[in-house]
Every structure is written in C-alpha cells, then in structure tokens.
N, C-alpha and C. Protein backbone atom coordinates (compact mmCIF):
# COMPACT_ATOMS: atom_id res chain seq x y z
N MET A 1 111.65 129.47 116.63
CA MET A 1 111.41 128.28 115.87
C MET A 1 110.36 127.60 116.95
N ARG A 2 109.40 126.85 116.09
CA ARG A 2 108.45 125.83 116.86
C ARG A 2 108.22 124.77 116.17
N ARG A 3 107.59 123.71 116.65
CA ARG A 3 107.30 122.37 116.21
C ARG A 3 105.87 122.64 116.11
N TRP A 4 105.69 122.12 114.69
CA TRP A 4 104.16 121.97 114.02
C TRP A 4 103.93 120.45 114.24
N GLN A 5 103.06 120.00 114.36
CA GLN A 5 102.39 118.77 114.05
C GLN A 5 101.08 118.46 113.33
N LEU A 6 101.29 117.35 112.56
CA LEU A 6 100.15 116.76 111.68
C LEU A 6 99.63 115.83 112.39
N TRP A 7 98.03 115.89 112.34
CA TRP A 7 97.39 115.04 113.48
C TRP A 7 96.48 114.54 112.19
N GLN A 8 96.40 112.74 111.94
CA GLN A 8 95.32 112.46 111.01
C GLN A 8 94.38 111.64 111.70
N GLY A 9 93.04 111.70 111.20
CA GLY A 9 91.92 110.99 111.88
C GLY A 9 90.67 111.05 110.59
N PRO A 10 89.73 110.34 111.36
CA PRO A 10 88.41 110.24 110.21
C PRO A 10 88.27 111.23 109.60
N GLY A 11 88.19 112.42 110.13
CA GLY A 11 87.63 113.37 109.55
C GLY A 11 88.56 114.34 108.47
N GLY A 12 89.88 113.65 108.20
CA GLY A 12 90.60 114.32 107.31
C GLY A 12 92.24 114.56 108.40
N HIS A 13 92.61 115.71 108.49
CA HIS A 13 93.87 116.15 109.33
C HIS A 13 93.95 117.58 109.86
N ALA A 14 94.61 117.49 110.69
CA ALA A 14 94.76 118.82 111.49
C ALA A 14 96.33 119.43 111.59
N PHE A 15 96.64 120.54 111.69
CA PHE A 15 97.90 121.02 111.39
C PHE A 15 98.02 122.04 112.14
N PHE A 16 98.92 122.05 113.32
CA PHE A 16 98.96 123.35 114.45
C PHE A 16 100.09 123.10 115.31
N PRO A 17 100.68 124.33 115.70
CA PRO A 17 101.80 124.30 116.51
C PRO A 17 101.79 123.40 117.80
N ASP A 18 102.68 122.81 117.99
CA ASP A 18 102.89 122.22 119.50
C ASP A 18 102.29 122.69 120.55
N ASP A 19 102.35 123.89 120.91
CA ASP A 19 102.10 124.44 121.99
C ASP A 19 100.30 124.79 121.72
N ASN A 20 99.72 124.51 120.94
CA ASN A 20 98.13 124.65 120.87
C ASN A 20 97.65 123.64 121.46
N HIS A 21 97.82 123.43 122.96
CA HIS A 21 96.92 122.31 123.81
C HIS A 21 95.65 122.10 123.62
N GLN A 22 94.79 123.02 123.11
CA GLN A 22 93.55 122.89 123.04
C GLN A 22 93.10 122.33 121.37
N ALA A 23 94.24 122.37 120.75
CA ALA A 23 93.88 121.64 119.43
C ALA A 23 94.37 120.51 119.56
N ARG A 24 95.49 120.28 120.37
CA ARG A 24 95.82 118.81 120.47
C ARG A 24 94.61 118.14 121.44
N SER A 25 94.25 118.70 122.33
CA SER A 25 92.92 117.85 123.20
C SER A 25 91.92 117.43 122.07
N THR A 26 91.49 118.30 121.18
CA THR A 26 90.40 118.32 120.68
C THR A 26 90.57 116.96 119.37
N ALA A 27 92.05 117.15 118.93
CA ALA A 27 92.31 116.07 117.99
C ALA A 27 92.29 114.68 118.54
N ILE A 28 92.74 114.50 119.76
CA ILE A 28 92.86 113.47 120.37
C ILE A 28 91.40 113.02 120.86
N ALA A 29 90.33 113.93 121.26
CA ALA A 29 89.17 113.54 121.61
C ALA A 29 88.21 112.95 120.46
N ASP A 30 88.85 113.56 119.14
CA ASP A 30 88.40 113.20 117.87
C ASP A 30 88.77 111.95 117.32
N GLY A 31 89.79 110.99 118.09
CA GLY A 31 90.31 110.27 117.38
C GLY A 31 91.53 110.34 116.43
N TYR A 32 91.61 111.35 116.26
CA TYR A 32 93.15 111.76 115.45
C TYR A 32 94.39 111.12 116.43
N VAL A 33 95.60 111.05 115.47
CA VAL A 33 96.67 110.43 116.02
C VAL A 33 97.96 111.42 115.19
N LEU A 34 98.93 111.73 115.86
CA LEU A 34 100.21 112.48 115.35
C LEU A 34 100.88 111.34 114.50
N THR A 35 101.01 112.14 113.42
CA THR A 35 101.51 111.05 112.23
C THR A 35 102.75 111.62 111.60
N TRP A 36 103.13 113.06 112.11
CA TRP A 36 104.07 113.72 111.28
C TRP A 36 104.64 115.10 112.00
N HIS A 37 105.73 115.57 112.19
CA HIS A 37 105.98 116.84 112.71
C HIS A 37 107.28 117.43 112.05
N CYS A 38 107.34 119.09 112.00
CA CYS A 38 108.36 119.62 111.62
C CYS A 38 108.49 120.70 112.22
N MET A 39 110.04 121.46 111.96
CA MET A 39 110.23 122.56 113.05
C MET A 39 110.05 123.85 112.14
N ALA A 40 109.49 124.99 112.38
CA ALA A 40 109.38 125.85 111.52
C ALA A 40 109.38 127.59 112.47
N LYS A 41 109.72 128.56 111.69
CA LYS A 41 109.67 129.80 112.32
C LYS A 41 108.30 130.46 112.32
N GLY A 42 107.43 130.01 111.43
CA GLY A 42 105.89 130.58 111.10
C GLY A 42 105.07 129.71 110.55
N ILE A 43 103.89 130.35 110.39
CA ILE A 43 102.98 129.19 109.72
C ILE A 43 103.44 128.96 107.96
N ASN A 44 103.61 130.14 107.45
CA ASN A 44 103.97 129.97 106.08
C ASN A 44 105.22 128.70 106.01
N PRO A 45 106.47 128.98 106.55
CA PRO A 45 107.22 128.11 106.30
C PRO A 45 106.83 126.68 106.74
N ALA A 46 106.06 126.58 107.75
CA ALA A 46 105.50 125.09 108.42
C ALA A 46 104.65 124.41 107.16
N MET A 47 103.81 125.69 106.56
CA MET A 47 102.90 125.09 105.51
C MET A 47 103.80 124.57 104.47
N ARG A 48 104.74 125.47 104.04
CA ARG A 48 105.36 124.97 102.64
C ARG A 48 106.34 123.52 103.07
N GLN A 49 106.62 123.07 104.54
CA GLN A 49 107.04 121.64 104.55
C GLN A 49 105.96 120.92 104.51
N LEU A 50 104.80 121.01 105.16
CA LEU A 50 103.53 120.22 105.21
C LEU A 50 103.34 119.79 103.60
N TYR A 51 102.96 120.61 102.73
CA TYR A 51 102.52 120.58 101.26
C TYR A 51 103.86 119.71 100.92
N ALA A 52 105.03 119.89 101.13
CA ALA A 52 106.02 118.99 100.46
C ALA A 52 105.64 117.52 100.95
N HIS A 53 105.65 117.39 102.51
CA HIS A 53 105.44 116.07 102.91
C HIS A 53 103.94 115.23 102.36
N LEU A 54 103.13 115.84 102.11
CA LEU A 54 101.73 115.27 101.73
C LEU A 54 101.78 115.27 100.08
N GLY A 55 102.89 116.17 99.36
CA GLY A 55 103.00 116.07 98.03
C GLY A 55 101.96 116.57 97.35
N ARG A 56 101.75 117.63 97.63
CA ARG A 56 100.91 118.71 97.15
C ARG A 56 101.14 119.79 96.33
N GLY A 57 102.35 119.79 96.11
CA GLY A 57 103.07 121.08 95.30
C GLY A 57 103.60 122.03 96.19
N GLU A 58 103.78 123.32 95.54
CA GLU A 58 103.83 124.58 96.32
C GLU A 58 102.98 125.12 96.87
N TYR A 59 103.26 125.55 98.12
CA TYR A 59 102.29 126.40 99.26
C TYR A 59 102.27 127.88 98.58
N HIS A 60 101.28 128.22 98.66
CA HIS A 60 100.98 129.64 98.29
C HIS A 60 100.37 130.57 99.30
N PRO A 61 101.38 131.26 99.92
CA PRO A 61 100.49 132.04 101.30
C PRO A 61 99.75 133.05 100.89
N MET A 62 98.62 133.42 101.85
CA MET A 62 98.11 134.65 102.00
C MET A 62 99.09 135.95 101.59
N VAL A 63 99.05 136.54 100.88
CA VAL A 63 99.86 138.10 100.84
C VAL A 63 99.02 139.24 100.87
N ARG A 64 99.67 140.16 101.42
CA ARG A 64 99.47 141.56 101.40
C ARG A 64 98.80 142.54 99.79
N ALA A 65 98.56 143.40 99.99
CA ALA A 65 98.22 143.97 98.71
C ALA A 65 99.33 144.31 97.95
N ASP A 66 100.50 144.77 98.35
CA ASP A 66 101.97 144.66 97.40
C ASP A 66 102.31 143.29 97.23
N GLY A 67 101.61 142.15 97.46
CA GLY A 67 102.14 141.03 96.85
C GLY A 67 103.06 140.21 97.83
N THR A 68 103.68 140.63 99.02
CA THR A 68 104.48 140.03 99.85
C THR A 68 103.63 139.53 100.75
N PRO A 69 104.08 138.17 101.66
CA PRO A 69 103.45 137.56 102.59
C PRO A 69 103.63 138.64 103.92
N TYR A 70 102.79 138.23 104.61
CA TYR A 70 102.44 138.99 106.04
C TYR A 70 103.57 138.50 106.90
N PRO A 71 104.46 139.58 107.33
CA PRO A 71 105.75 139.27 107.97
C PRO A 71 105.31 138.36 109.59
N GLN A 72 104.45 138.42 109.94
CA GLN A 72 104.17 137.55 111.28
C GLN A 72 103.64 136.05 111.08
N ASP A 73 103.37 136.05 109.53
CA ASP A 73 103.23 134.48 109.10
C ASP A 73 104.61 133.82 108.63
N GLU A 74 105.61 134.57 108.34
CA GLU A 74 106.74 134.18 107.91
C GLU A 74 107.70 133.91 109.04
N ASP A 75 107.53 134.64 110.18
CA ASP A 75 108.44 134.50 111.41
C ASP A 75 107.60 134.62 112.74
N ASP A 76 106.95 134.10 113.60
CA ASP A 76 106.27 133.99 114.82
C ASP A 76 106.87 134.49 115.79
N ALA A 77 108.36 134.86 115.68
CA ALA A 77 109.03 135.35 117.13
C ALA A 77 108.55 136.27 117.45
N PRO A 78 108.64 136.50 118.96
CA PRO A 78 108.01 137.72 119.44
C PRO A 78 108.56 139.15 119.14
N VAL A 79 107.89 140.06 118.88
CA VAL A 79 108.36 141.28 118.34
C VAL A 79 108.66 142.03 119.72
N ALA A 80 109.95 142.62 119.44
CA ALA A 80 110.26 143.42 120.75
C ALA A 80 109.93 144.79 120.85
C-alpha cells in the first residue's frame, strides 16, 4: 500500500506516489501545493480514487489485449 499525492498549481495538477521525491521537488519548484492524498496498492486503484475525488466519473485503466488491466498497475507490491 502506498500513499499517493495530488499537487495543484498554476499549470494544473500532478499526481504521484509519496516516495517519488523527484516529482515532489519539481512540483514544489513549480509552485504547486499538496491538496489531497489517498492510499492505494497501485496506480489503477489510486486513479479510481482521484477520479472520484475530482468528480470525473469512472476511471478506465489501460488494458492488455485480452481486456484485463495490467497486474502491475493494480498492485505495485514487490514480486517475490
């Protein structure tokens, strides 16, 4: 489970995991401010929460040829 952060600023918004220090540094340097966060296992669950928060409706993730989401986008836990 990771914490995902929404930063908003003059150019729009940025959304990334808490441990992405480079993205955070860039957001701060560009005048963005942290406005919201959520906890999620991967990018797809995080984006579903972000869409709900922003009122954008249902999030539709990228899918493989068989129509299923990429497993690594659903759960970013390390693979043993």
